[in-house]
Amino acid sequence: MKQTGCSGYAYTLDFAEKWNADDHLSIHDDLYVWITQDALRYLDGMTVDYIKKGLNEQFDFVNPNETARCGCGESFTV
């Protein structure tokens, strides 16, 4: 998660080459997800789905903490 866009924040995914001891670790099967301590309060209860429709593929973030999302869907407010 990073600050950007017209609504404030955007979801970001990246490979973690290193992490802090206080980062939150979530494990599902063989997938390890590191979440920084600052972002954890904004992402609590969020689910992430991978959707493939025809030629389009995307991650769908469903966050119960969102209060608004910009028109293009690139950023959100909590």
Protein backbone atom coordinates (compact mmCIF):
# COMPACT_ATOMS: atom_id res chain seq x y z
CA MET A 1 0.00 0.00 0.00
CA LYS A 2 1.33 3.44 -0.88
CA GLN A 3 0.02 7.00 -0.87
CA THR A 4 -0.97 7.99 -4.40
CA GLY A 5 -3.85 8.90 -6.69
CA CYS A 6 -6.83 11.16 -6.18
CA SER A 7 -8.28 9.18 -3.26
CA GLY A 8 -5.17 8.72 -1.15
CA TYR A 9 -3.85 5.12 -1.28
CA ALA A 10 -3.21 2.35 -3.81
CA TYR A 11 -2.64 -1.36 -3.32
CA THR A 12 0.82 -2.52 -4.37
CA LEU A 13 2.34 -5.97 -4.66
CA ASP A 14 6.06 -6.57 -4.81
CA PHE A 15 8.60 -9.25 -4.00
CA ALA A 16 10.02 -8.94 -0.48
CA GLU A 17 13.79 -9.25 -0.47
CA LYS A 18 13.93 -8.24 3.19
CA TRP A 19 11.42 -7.38 5.93
CA ASN A 20 11.32 -6.03 9.44
CA ALA A 21 10.76 -8.24 12.46
CA ASP A 22 7.60 -6.27 13.37
CA ASP A 23 5.98 -6.76 9.92
CA HIS A 24 2.90 -9.00 9.89
CA LEU A 25 3.24 -12.38 8.21
CA SER A 26 0.25 -14.16 6.72
CA ILE A 27 0.69 -17.66 5.30
CA HIS A 28 -1.70 -19.46 2.97
CA ASP A 29 -0.45 -22.77 1.53
CA ASP A 30 3.03 -21.86 0.20
CA LEU A 31 2.29 -18.13 -0.21
CA TYR A 32 3.91 -15.80 2.32
CA VAL A 33 2.56 -12.25 2.54
CA TRP A 34 4.44 -9.59 4.51
CA ILE A 35 2.46 -6.51 5.54
CA THR A 36 4.15 -3.51 7.11
CA GLN A 37 2.97 -2.58 10.58
CA ASP A 38 1.75 0.87 9.32
CA ALA A 39 -0.44 -0.68 6.60
CA LEU A 40 -1.92 -3.41 8.79
CA ARG A 41 -4.59 -1.19 10.35
CA TYR A 42 -5.87 -0.22 6.88
CA LEU A 43 -5.88 -3.79 5.54
CA ASP A 44 -7.42 -5.67 8.47
CA GLY A 45 -10.15 -7.98 7.17
CA MET A 46 -9.20 -7.53 3.50
CA THR A 47 -9.43 -10.37 1.00
CA VAL A 48 -7.55 -10.64 -2.28
CA ASP A 49 -8.88 -12.64 -5.22
CA TYR A 50 -7.22 -13.40 -8.54
CA ILE A 51 -9.72 -13.02 -11.37
CA LYS A 52 -9.30 -14.16 -14.97
CA LYS A 53 -11.99 -13.17 -17.48
CA GLY A 54 -11.22 -13.84 -21.11
CA LEU A 55 -7.94 -12.08 -21.90
CA ASN A 56 -8.03 -9.98 -18.72
CA GLU A 57 -6.38 -11.01 -15.46
CA GLN A 58 -6.27 -9.00 -12.24
CA PHE A 59 -6.14 -9.02 -8.48
CA ASP A 60 -9.37 -7.89 -6.83
CA PHE A 61 -8.91 -6.26 -3.40
CA VAL A 62 -12.01 -6.34 -1.19
CA ASN A 63 -11.31 -4.12 1.81
CA PRO A 64 -14.05 -3.51 4.41
CA ASN A 65 -12.08 -0.46 5.64
CA GLU A 66 -12.45 1.48 2.37
CA THR A 67 -14.70 4.52 2.65
CA ALA A 68 -14.35 5.68 -0.98
CA ARG A 69 -12.66 4.75 -4.25
CA CYS A 70 -11.72 7.04 -7.13
CA GLY A 71 -13.66 6.83 -10.39
CA CYS A 72 -10.93 4.98 -12.24
CA GLY A 73 -10.50 2.48 -9.38
CA GLU A 74 -6.77 3.09 -8.98
CA SER A 75 -6.84 4.54 -5.47
CA PHE A 76 -8.98 4.44 -2.34
CA THR A 77 -9.66 6.23 0.96
CA VAL A 78 -9.82 4.68 4.44
